[in-house]
Structures are given as structure tokens and as C-alpha cells.
Amino acid sequence: MQTALSSESQPKVVNRWLVIFGTALVQLGVGTFYAWSIFNTPILKMFDQLVLDPATGKPAAVQPHLGSISLIFSIGALALSLSTIFVGSLVKKFGVRKVTISAGILFGISVFIASRVSSADQLWLYYLSAGVMLGAADGIAYMSTLSNAIKWFPEKTGLISGISVAFYGLGSFVFKYIDSAFLGTNIVHNLPHALMAWGFLSMLLIVGGALFIHDAPEAKAEDVVDDPTHHEFTTREILRKPQAYLLFIALLTISLSVYLTGISSNLGTNLAGLDIAQATNIVAVVAIANTIGRFLIGSLSDKFGRKPMFILSYVVTFIAVATLAFSSHLRVPAFYAAMIAVGFFFGGTITVYPTMVGDYFGLKNHSQNYSLIYQGFGFGSLAGAIILSLAGGNLSVVFNIYMVMLIVSLLIWIFIKKPVYKN
């Protein structure tokens, strides 16, 4: 009996900040997934070389184009989003450490498979490995550690979410430079080695960080005040609440910023007349703003409340998008200010969202509940590319639709109220 009691009380003596340290390492590792775009050009050039007829030097097959190559990441982003649905049940059955370690190993295996592509007809293998497998591994490790970290600090959910999600964003920023260094100048020849190095380092961060992580203790029955205004909602219960769908719509909306930041260099050349070097710099500047926003807005939401931070974020994002939409020839400072605002407040919003879901629906089933609403991020990230494609490449259509969606979402934040549980 004494052994059982010791085992049950073990989480109480865990250093919570060591758990956050491990979480930060994991988030840094999985965040490297968002640096994948740096491999698009080497892969495209590799396929260009592979499909040449050695006898004539002319194309021997239809060459993959940028759209088919960029689809690798799009598939991965969708797999990332969908995989989070299963995180809650996996963690409940196996524990957060085992789930995270398994996801880290799958991450490494996925990248290793991608590094073995050596034929022009193996594009599908990129879709499977760097798309489906890598995205799923990334989503599982991301959601399991984030939700667990928030449960360890129920009194500082905004700060902890900010730390966790900030390191997730930091991973893509840091590894853009690390991956570039491994690629060197001979990007096609060095591509397999760069992929393997990236996969190994990321797996090391994820698995190593997982060793510091412990499952957060479940709240005792006497500590849970289960009344109409403070109820631990199950996933089935939140599906009957309009707040879940409103949060989904608002998250889908702000996730269009992912597309804008992803094409920030193109926007710089088209809207502000930046040269290639300046356009490259804006990518780094936006990434820094995104990371700072995650730290700052997450912490401020604990002090001033979630809704005021969301309202501020959506208002400023609307002003920034309107600046991009209605200025045919932007001055460089105005363009930088608009893109920094988009990056900063998206980073802040995506940080506060997990805590908002916890505030509204409780922390007990946070993984399952947030993973459903998080699907808005997956679909929102793809929406920009889809709208632009349907609009025939007309960016103004994307801006106009985004502004309308921001107005709708702003109204959501003004009028939304915490759900009340009814039997």
C-alpha cells in the first residue's frame, strides 16, 4: 500500500520547470518542420536534373513544377492538424513521454525516407514521408507536450503556452539557417545529407526533451468545482456548444496569416519593390516578430484577459491587411510595419488559443478538445493558396476575403461568452 501511495504522489515532487524545459526542447524540434520550404528549390532542381535524357540532354519526362513540390508541405500541414485528434487517447493510454519519444523517432524515420528519393518518379514518396508521416509525427509531439505543459501550470496557462509555442516558432527560424548551412552551394548534391542532418538533430531535440517530461497530475475530485460556469467538458459535449464552432471560425481566419507570411518575400517584391536580398530579410524579420508575439501576448493574456488580446490582435491585423490591400506602391517602412504586425499578432493569437480553449472547456480533456478546434489552423493555412488559385493569382481577392473574415471574427470575439453547462 505504501508503494502505491508513493507512486501516486510522485508527480507532486516533479520540478515543473524541468517539464517546461523538456517541452521547450520538443517544441524547438517539431517547429523545424516549418523550415521545410528551404528544401523546395533543391528538390525542384534535383528533379530537373533527374528527368534529363543523358544522351540528348533534353527532358525525358514531364518535370514536376513548383506547385507539385510545394504540395509536400501542404500535405504535411494537413496531416499535422488531423493527427492531433488522436493525441488525447494516445497520451491517456501510453503517457506523454512514450508518445512524444515515438513521435520523435517517427519524425527521424520520415526525413530519412525522404532523403533516399533518387528517381524522378518518386514524388509520391515525398508526399508520403515528408508529407503524411512527418506531419503526423509533428502534430502528435506538438499537441501532447503543449497540453501537458499547460496542465502543469493551471495558474499561468498564458505564460506557459507562450513559452511552448514560441519555441515551436523559434525552431523554424533557427533551422532555416542550419539547413541552409548543410545545403551549402551545391544544393542538389548536398540535399540528402542536409535532410539527414536535419532529421537527426530534430529527432535528438524531441527525444531528448521528452526525457524531462512527466504526465501532469490529474485534478482530484474535491479540487474540481463542477458547476454550470466551470465544467470539464468532454469532446462530445463541446460539439453541442456554439462556442466551439465560433472559436474554429476565428482560428481559421487568423491562420490565413500563415499564408501571407509564407509569401512575404513575394509580397515585398510585388507591393514594395524590394530586391531579392531585401525580400529575403523580410522573412527573417517576420519570423522574429512572430516569436516575440508568442512570448509577449501569451504573458499579457494572463494579466489583461484573453478576449482583449484577441480583439487587439484582430483589429491590428485588419489594419495591416488593409494597408497591403489598398496601397499599390507601398513605402518600404509601411510594408515592413504591416508584415511585422501580421506576424506578431498571429504568433500571439496562436499562443493564447490553447489557453482560451482551456478557460472555456476545462483542462481535463484539453488535448481532445483543442485538437478539434485546432483543425481551423490546418484548413486556414491552406485557404490562402486555394483562394489565390481560384482567383487566378489575383492577390487583392485574398486580401479582400481575409478582411471580411477578420470583421466576422472580430464580432465573434466581442460577443462570445463562456459556455454554460446544462444537463
Protein backbone atom coordinates (compact mmCIF):
# COMPACT_ATOMS: atom_id res chain seq x y z
CA MET A 1 0.00 0.00 0.00
CA GLN A 2 2.86 2.37 0.85
CA THR A 3 4.48 1.78 -2.54
CA ALA A 4 1.22 2.56 -4.28
CA LEU A 5 0.84 5.77 -2.34
CA SER A 6 4.39 6.80 -3.21
CA SER A 7 3.73 6.14 -6.87
CA GLU A 8 0.52 8.15 -6.77
CA SER A 9 2.20 11.09 -5.06
CA GLN A 10 5.26 11.11 -7.33
CA PRO A 11 4.04 13.94 -9.64
CA LYS A 12 3.94 16.28 -6.63
CA VAL A 13 7.75 16.23 -6.30
CA VAL A 14 8.43 16.74 -10.01
CA ASN A 15 10.16 20.02 -10.83
CA ARG A 16 7.54 21.64 -13.06
CA TRP A 17 10.09 23.92 -14.69
CA LEU A 18 12.14 20.92 -15.83
CA VAL A 19 8.98 19.70 -17.57
CA ILE A 20 8.75 23.08 -19.30
CA PHE A 21 12.44 22.86 -20.24
CA GLY A 22 11.81 19.48 -21.86
CA THR A 23 8.69 20.81 -23.55
CA ALA A 24 10.67 23.73 -24.98
CA LEU A 25 13.25 21.32 -26.47
CA VAL A 26 10.50 19.21 -28.03
CA GLN A 27 8.73 22.26 -29.44
CA LEU A 28 12.03 23.53 -30.84
CA GLY A 29 12.49 20.18 -32.59
CA VAL A 30 9.00 19.86 -34.05
CA GLY A 31 8.99 23.53 -35.06
CA THR A 32 11.75 22.81 -37.57
CA PHE A 33 9.04 21.31 -39.78
CA TYR A 34 8.08 24.85 -40.80
CA ALA A 35 11.54 25.37 -42.30
CA TRP A 36 10.72 22.75 -44.95
CA SER A 37 10.23 25.36 -47.69
CA ILE A 38 14.01 25.80 -47.86
CA PHE A 39 14.18 22.36 -49.50
CA ASN A 40 11.69 23.22 -52.28
CA THR A 41 14.28 24.70 -54.64
CA PRO A 42 16.86 21.88 -54.19
CA ILE A 43 14.15 19.26 -54.74
CA LEU A 44 12.87 21.06 -57.83
CA LYS A 45 16.36 21.34 -59.27
CA MET A 46 17.07 17.70 -58.42
CA PHE A 47 14.03 16.56 -60.36
CA ASP A 48 15.02 18.85 -63.24
CA GLN A 49 18.34 17.01 -63.43
CA LEU A 50 16.93 13.54 -62.92
CA VAL A 51 14.48 13.71 -65.80
CA LEU A 52 17.07 14.70 -68.42
CA ASP A 53 17.87 12.15 -71.09
CA PRO A 54 21.65 11.57 -70.72
CA ALA A 55 22.00 11.00 -74.47
CA THR A 56 20.27 14.15 -75.66
CA GLY A 57 20.34 16.37 -72.57
CA LYS A 58 16.67 17.08 -73.10
CA PRO A 59 13.80 16.31 -70.71
CA ALA A 60 12.92 12.62 -70.82
CA ALA A 61 9.70 13.07 -68.82
CA VAL A 62 7.32 15.72 -67.59
CA GLN A 63 9.14 17.65 -64.89
CA PRO A 64 7.48 18.35 -61.55
CA HIS A 65 6.68 22.03 -61.13
CA LEU A 66 6.80 24.26 -58.06
CA GLY A 67 3.13 23.65 -57.34
CA SER A 68 3.63 19.89 -57.07
CA ILE A 69 6.74 20.36 -54.92
CA SER A 70 5.11 22.86 -52.54
CA LEU A 71 2.25 20.40 -52.13
CA ILE A 72 4.61 18.31 -49.97
CA PHE A 73 4.39 20.84 -47.15
CA SER A 74 0.65 21.38 -47.68
CA ILE A 75 0.03 17.66 -47.20
CA GLY A 76 2.25 17.73 -44.13
CA ALA A 77 0.37 20.69 -42.63
CA LEU A 78 -2.97 18.92 -43.11
CA ALA A 79 -1.59 15.67 -41.64
CA LEU A 80 -0.24 17.67 -38.69
CA SER A 81 -3.64 19.14 -37.99
CA LEU A 82 -5.58 15.89 -38.38
CA SER A 83 -3.14 13.85 -36.27
CA THR A 84 -3.80 16.00 -33.21
CA ILE A 85 -7.28 14.48 -32.98
CA PHE A 86 -5.76 11.22 -31.73
CA VAL A 87 -3.32 12.74 -29.22
CA GLY A 88 -5.65 12.68 -26.21
CA SER A 89 -6.38 8.96 -26.42
CA LEU A 90 -2.73 8.11 -27.11
CA VAL A 91 -1.47 10.07 -24.11
CA LYS A 92 -4.16 8.62 -21.88
CA LYS A 93 -3.15 5.10 -22.85
CA PHE A 94 0.65 5.34 -23.08
CA GLY A 95 1.65 8.55 -21.28
CA VAL A 96 3.05 11.77 -22.73
CA ARG A 97 6.72 10.70 -22.61
CA LYS A 98 6.27 7.47 -24.60
CA VAL A 99 4.01 9.19 -27.12
CA THR A 100 6.50 12.03 -27.61
CA ILE A 101 9.50 9.73 -27.96
CA SER A 102 7.63 7.60 -30.51
CA ALA A 103 6.68 10.73 -32.45
CA GLY A 104 10.32 11.89 -32.39
CA ILE A 105 11.53 8.58 -33.78
CA LEU A 106 8.84 8.67 -36.48
CA PHE A 107 9.98 12.21 -37.31
CA GLY A 108 13.55 10.99 -37.89
CA ILE A 109 12.45 7.96 -39.91
CA SER A 110 10.21 10.13 -42.11
CA VAL A 111 13.04 12.51 -43.00
CA PHE A 112 15.44 9.62 -43.60
CA ILE A 113 13.00 8.08 -46.10
CA ALA A 114 12.67 11.45 -47.83
CA SER A 115 16.45 11.70 -48.10
CA ARG A 116 16.54 8.43 -50.06
CA VAL A 117 14.49 9.73 -53.01
CA SER A 118 16.64 9.29 -56.09
CA SER A 119 14.26 8.89 -59.01
CA ALA A 120 12.10 11.31 -60.94
CA ASP A 121 9.02 9.14 -60.47
CA GLN A 122 9.30 9.10 -56.66
CA LEU A 123 7.50 12.35 -55.92
CA TRP A 124 4.81 10.26 -54.23
CA LEU A 125 7.44 9.14 -51.70
CA TYR A 126 7.95 12.76 -50.66
CA TYR A 127 4.18 13.09 -50.23
CA LEU A 128 4.13 10.00 -48.01
CA SER A 129 7.26 10.57 -45.92
CA ALA A 130 7.76 14.35 -45.69
CA GLY A 131 4.03 14.91 -46.01
CA VAL A 132 1.81 12.36 -44.24
CA MET A 133 4.33 10.70 -41.89
CA LEU A 134 6.31 13.79 -40.93
CA GLY A 135 3.22 15.94 -40.47
CA ALA A 136 1.57 13.32 -38.25
CA ALA A 137 4.67 12.92 -36.09
CA ASP A 138 4.96 16.69 -35.76
CA GLY A 139 1.34 17.18 -34.76
CA ILE A 140 1.37 14.41 -32.16
CA ALA A 141 4.54 15.67 -30.44
CA TYR A 142 3.35 19.29 -30.60
CA MET A 143 -0.11 18.76 -29.12
CA SER A 144 0.82 16.17 -26.48
CA THR A 145 3.57 18.28 -24.92
CA LEU A 146 1.69 21.60 -25.21
CA SER A 147 -1.44 20.34 -23.46
CA ASN A 148 0.61 18.58 -20.80
CA ALA A 149 2.64 21.73 -20.07
CA ILE A 150 -0.50 23.84 -19.65
CA LYS A 151 -1.91 21.31 -17.16
CA TRP A 152 1.26 21.61 -15.03
CA PHE A 153 0.67 25.37 -14.63
CA PRO A 154 -3.10 25.97 -14.43
CA GLU A 155 -2.38 29.34 -12.79
CA LYS A 156 -0.09 30.51 -15.62
CA THR A 157 -1.58 28.96 -18.72
CA GLY A 158 -0.95 32.02 -20.91
CA LEU A 159 2.72 32.25 -19.98
CA ILE A 160 3.35 28.52 -20.36
CA SER A 161 1.52 28.36 -23.68
CA GLY A 162 3.58 31.37 -24.78
CA ILE A 163 6.88 29.68 -23.90
CA SER A 164 5.89 26.43 -25.59
CA VAL A 165 4.50 27.90 -28.80
CA ALA A 166 7.33 30.45 -29.00
CA PHE A 167 9.92 27.67 -29.10
CA TYR A 168 7.80 26.00 -31.77
CA GLY A 169 8.12 29.13 -33.88
CA LEU A 170 11.78 29.51 -32.97
CA GLY A 171 12.53 26.08 -34.41
CA SER A 172 11.62 27.13 -37.94
CA PHE A 173 13.58 30.37 -37.65
CA VAL A 174 16.80 28.76 -36.36
CA PHE A 175 16.74 25.80 -38.70
CA LYS A 176 16.32 27.93 -41.81
CA TYR A 177 19.94 28.91 -41.23
CA ILE A 178 21.09 25.46 -40.11
CA ASP A 179 19.51 23.76 -43.11
CA SER A 180 20.98 26.40 -45.43
CA ALA A 181 24.43 25.72 -44.00
CA PHE A 182 24.08 21.98 -44.64
CA LEU A 183 22.85 22.61 -48.19
CA GLY A 184 25.81 24.85 -48.99
CA THR A 185 26.26 25.99 -52.57
CA ASN A 186 25.82 22.63 -54.28
CA ILE A 187 22.25 22.30 -53.09
CA VAL A 188 21.29 19.30 -55.22
CA HIS A 189 24.33 17.21 -54.30
CA ASN A 190 24.05 18.10 -50.61
CA LEU A 191 20.28 17.64 -50.37
CA PRO A 192 20.31 14.04 -48.98
CA HIS A 193 22.94 14.93 -46.36
CA ALA A 194 21.12 18.12 -45.37
CA LEU A 195 17.86 16.21 -44.92
CA MET A 196 19.50 13.51 -42.81
CA ALA A 197 21.29 16.08 -40.64
CA TRP A 198 18.05 17.99 -40.10
CA GLY A 199 16.12 14.82 -39.27
CA PHE A 200 18.76 13.61 -36.81
CA LEU A 201 19.06 16.94 -34.98
CA SER A 202 15.29 17.35 -34.75
CA MET A 203 14.82 13.78 -33.51
CA LEU A 204 17.55 14.39 -30.91
CA LEU A 205 15.75 17.50 -29.63
CA ILE A 206 12.36 15.76 -29.48
CA VAL A 207 13.53 12.54 -27.84
CA GLY A 208 15.96 14.33 -25.53
CA GLY A 209 13.32 16.83 -24.44
CA ALA A 210 10.80 14.04 -23.82
CA LEU A 211 13.09 12.56 -21.14
CA PHE A 212 12.41 15.61 -18.95
CA ILE A 213 8.64 15.40 -19.36
CA HIS A 214 6.21 13.83 -16.88
CA ASP A 215 2.46 13.47 -17.14
CA ALA A 216 0.67 16.29 -15.35
CA PRO A 217 -1.24 15.15 -12.26
CA GLU A 218 -4.98 14.83 -12.69
CA ALA A 219 -7.08 17.16 -10.59
CA LYS A 220 -8.58 15.47 -7.55
CA ALA A 221 -12.33 15.21 -7.37
CA GLU A 222 -12.51 17.53 -4.38
CA ASP A 223 -10.48 20.18 -6.25
CA VAL A 224 -12.81 20.32 -9.24
CA VAL A 225 -15.64 22.77 -8.90
CA ASP A 226 -18.10 21.37 -11.42
CA ASP A 227 -20.88 23.91 -11.77
CA PRO A 228 -22.65 25.44 -14.78
CA THR A 229 -19.93 28.09 -15.20
CA HIS A 230 -16.94 25.81 -14.55
CA HIS A 231 -17.40 22.42 -16.15
CA GLU A 232 -14.83 19.98 -17.52
CA PHE A 233 -16.39 19.48 -20.94
CA THR A 234 -15.91 16.25 -22.83
CA THR A 235 -15.32 16.33 -26.58
CA ARG A 236 -18.87 15.18 -27.22
CA GLU A 237 -20.21 17.96 -25.03
CA ILE A 238 -18.27 20.76 -26.76
CA LEU A 239 -19.68 19.67 -30.12
CA ARG A 240 -23.07 20.74 -28.79
CA LYS A 241 -21.80 24.21 -27.90
CA PRO A 242 -21.80 27.04 -30.48
CA GLN A 243 -18.66 28.47 -28.86
CA ALA A 244 -16.62 25.55 -30.25
CA TYR A 245 -17.64 26.39 -33.82
CA LEU A 246 -17.13 30.12 -33.32
CA LEU A 247 -13.61 29.51 -31.99
CA PHE A 248 -12.95 27.26 -35.00
CA ILE A 249 -14.03 30.02 -37.42
CA ALA A 250 -11.92 32.66 -35.67
CA LEU A 251 -8.86 30.39 -35.68
CA LEU A 252 -9.36 29.52 -39.35
CA THR A 253 -9.50 33.24 -40.10
CA ILE A 254 -6.28 34.29 -38.37
CA SER A 255 -4.49 31.27 -39.84
CA LEU A 256 -4.67 32.98 -43.23
CA SER A 257 -1.75 34.98 -41.84
CA VAL A 258 0.34 31.82 -42.23
CA TYR A 259 -0.10 32.09 -45.98
CA LEU A 260 0.72 35.80 -46.05
CA THR A 261 3.90 35.33 -44.02
CA GLY A 262 4.80 32.34 -46.18
CA ILE A 263 4.80 34.53 -49.30
CA SER A 264 6.17 37.62 -47.55
CA SER A 265 9.21 37.78 -49.84
CA ASN A 266 6.96 37.70 -52.91
CA LEU A 267 4.73 40.40 -51.42
CA GLY A 268 7.82 42.52 -50.78
CA THR A 269 8.90 42.44 -54.41
CA ASN A 270 5.37 42.94 -55.78
CA LEU A 271 4.00 45.56 -53.39
CA ALA A 272 7.03 47.46 -52.11
CA GLY A 273 9.55 46.97 -54.92
CA LEU A 274 12.09 45.17 -52.71
CA ASP A 275 15.03 43.47 -54.36
CA ILE A 276 15.80 39.80 -53.72
CA ALA A 277 18.13 40.47 -50.79
CA GLN A 278 15.64 42.80 -49.09
CA ALA A 279 12.80 40.35 -49.71
CA THR A 280 14.83 37.63 -48.01
CA ASN A 281 15.36 39.88 -44.99
CA ILE A 282 11.63 40.40 -44.51
CA VAL A 283 11.22 36.65 -43.98
CA ALA A 284 13.63 36.76 -41.03
CA VAL A 285 12.08 39.96 -39.63
CA VAL A 286 8.56 38.49 -39.72
CA ALA A 287 9.79 35.28 -38.07
CA ILE A 288 11.35 37.29 -35.21
CA ALA A 289 8.15 39.31 -34.79
CA ASN A 290 6.14 36.09 -34.73
CA THR A 291 8.32 34.65 -31.96
CA ILE A 292 8.24 37.83 -29.85
CA GLY A 293 4.45 37.98 -30.22
CA ARG A 294 4.15 34.46 -28.82
CA PHE A 295 6.07 35.35 -25.69
CA LEU A 296 4.52 38.77 -25.10
CA ILE A 297 0.84 38.25 -25.95
CA GLY A 298 0.72 34.95 -24.05
CA SER A 299 2.03 36.61 -20.90
CA LEU A 300 -0.21 39.69 -21.26
CA SER A 301 -3.30 37.50 -21.66
CA ASP A 302 -2.78 36.24 -18.10
CA LYS A 303 -2.82 39.83 -16.85
CA PHE A 304 -5.43 41.54 -19.04
CA GLY A 305 -7.58 38.61 -20.17
CA ARG A 306 -7.84 36.55 -23.35
CA LYS A 307 -10.63 38.43 -25.14
CA PRO A 308 -8.94 41.86 -25.01
CA MET A 309 -5.80 40.33 -26.52
CA PHE A 310 -7.82 38.67 -29.29
CA ILE A 311 -9.74 41.85 -30.07
CA LEU A 312 -6.49 43.84 -30.24
CA SER A 313 -4.86 41.19 -32.45
CA TYR A 314 -7.69 41.02 -34.96
CA VAL A 315 -8.10 44.81 -35.16
CA VAL A 316 -4.39 45.41 -35.83
CA THR A 317 -4.26 42.50 -38.29
CA PHE A 318 -7.21 44.04 -40.17
CA ILE A 319 -5.40 47.39 -40.39
CA ALA A 320 -2.23 45.63 -41.61
CA VAL A 321 -4.06 43.63 -44.29
CA ALA A 322 -5.96 46.76 -45.41
CA THR A 323 -2.62 48.55 -45.76
CA LEU A 324 -1.38 45.76 -48.02
CA ALA A 325 -4.62 45.65 -49.98
CA PHE A 326 -5.21 49.32 -50.73
CA SER A 327 -1.69 50.52 -51.42
CA SER A 328 -0.48 49.74 -54.92
CA HIS A 329 3.02 51.09 -54.25
CA LEU A 330 3.83 50.75 -50.58
CA ARG A 331 6.70 52.58 -49.00
CA VAL A 332 9.20 50.10 -47.57
CA PRO A 333 8.68 51.15 -43.90
CA ALA A 334 4.89 50.80 -44.27
CA PHE A 335 5.28 47.35 -45.83
CA TYR A 336 7.62 46.22 -43.05
CA ALA A 337 5.24 47.57 -40.39
CA ALA A 338 2.26 45.75 -41.94
CA MET A 339 4.08 42.41 -42.24
CA ILE A 340 5.57 42.68 -38.74
CA ALA A 341 2.06 43.30 -37.38
CA VAL A 342 0.68 40.28 -39.24
CA GLY A 343 3.47 38.04 -37.92
CA PHE A 344 3.46 39.44 -34.37
CA PHE A 345 -0.27 39.16 -33.75
CA PHE A 346 -0.63 35.78 -35.46
CA GLY A 347 2.09 34.46 -33.15
CA GLY A 348 0.27 35.93 -30.16
CA THR A 349 -3.10 34.57 -31.24
CA ILE A 350 -1.92 31.01 -31.84
CA THR A 351 -0.29 31.14 -28.40
CA VAL A 352 -3.38 32.28 -26.48
CA TYR A 353 -5.77 29.92 -28.29
CA PRO A 354 -4.90 26.77 -26.28
CA THR A 355 -5.43 28.68 -23.02
CA MET A 356 -8.73 30.12 -24.28
CA VAL A 357 -9.97 26.61 -25.03
CA GLY A 358 -8.88 25.58 -21.52
CA ASP A 359 -10.67 28.57 -19.98
CA TYR A 360 -13.90 27.78 -21.83
CA PHE A 361 -13.97 23.98 -21.73
CA GLY A 362 -11.62 22.98 -18.89
CA LEU A 363 -8.18 21.37 -18.77
CA LYS A 364 -9.12 17.76 -18.05
CA ASN A 365 -9.88 16.95 -21.71
CA HIS A 366 -7.79 19.75 -23.18
CA SER A 367 -5.89 17.63 -25.72
CA GLN A 368 -9.04 16.21 -27.28
CA ASN A 369 -10.97 19.47 -27.19
CA TYR A 370 -8.24 21.74 -28.52
CA SER A 371 -7.29 19.28 -31.24
CA LEU A 372 -10.78 19.58 -32.75
CA ILE A 373 -10.74 23.38 -32.76
CA TYR A 374 -7.12 23.29 -33.97
CA GLN A 375 -8.36 21.91 -37.28
CA GLY A 376 -9.17 25.53 -38.08
CA PHE A 377 -5.43 26.16 -38.22
CA GLY A 378 -4.88 23.34 -40.71
CA PHE A 379 -7.62 24.41 -43.07
CA GLY A 380 -6.90 28.11 -42.61
CA SER A 381 -3.25 27.59 -43.54
CA LEU A 382 -4.35 26.10 -46.85
CA ALA A 383 -7.14 28.58 -47.53
CA GLY A 384 -4.86 31.33 -48.87
CA ALA A 385 -3.34 29.11 -51.55
CA ILE A 386 -6.78 27.79 -52.54
CA ILE A 387 -8.32 31.29 -52.77
CA LEU A 388 -5.36 32.59 -54.79
CA SER A 389 -5.59 29.64 -57.17
CA LEU A 390 -9.33 30.11 -57.69
CA ALA A 391 -8.79 33.85 -58.16
CA GLY A 392 -6.30 33.25 -60.94
CA GLY A 393 -3.38 34.67 -58.96
CA ASN A 394 -5.16 37.91 -58.02
CA LEU A 395 -3.80 38.81 -54.57
CA SER A 396 -6.42 41.51 -54.00
CA VAL A 397 -9.08 38.79 -53.80
CA VAL A 398 -7.15 37.10 -50.98
CA PHE A 399 -6.80 40.41 -49.12
CA ASN A 400 -10.48 41.30 -49.50
CA ILE A 401 -11.73 37.91 -48.35
CA TYR A 402 -9.33 37.99 -45.41
CA MET A 403 -10.59 41.43 -44.33
CA VAL A 404 -14.22 40.27 -44.42
CA MET A 405 -13.33 37.20 -42.37
CA LEU A 406 -11.45 39.36 -39.86
CA ILE A 407 -14.53 41.57 -39.38
CA VAL A 408 -16.70 38.49 -38.80
CA SER A 409 -14.17 37.06 -36.33
CA LEU A 410 -13.87 40.38 -34.53
CA LEU A 411 -17.61 40.30 -33.94
CA ILE A 412 -17.20 36.78 -32.60
CA TRP A 413 -14.66 37.97 -30.02
CA ILE A 414 -16.83 40.92 -29.00
CA PHE A 415 -19.97 38.86 -28.34
CA ILE A 416 -18.74 35.36 -27.45
CA LYS A 417 -19.32 34.25 -23.85
CA LYS A 418 -18.05 31.36 -21.79
CA PRO A 419 -20.28 28.29 -22.29
CA VAL A 420 -22.66 27.24 -19.53
CA TYR A 421 -23.08 23.53 -18.91
CA LYS A 422 -26.62 22.18 -18.93
CA ASN A 423 -27.52 18.57 -18.14
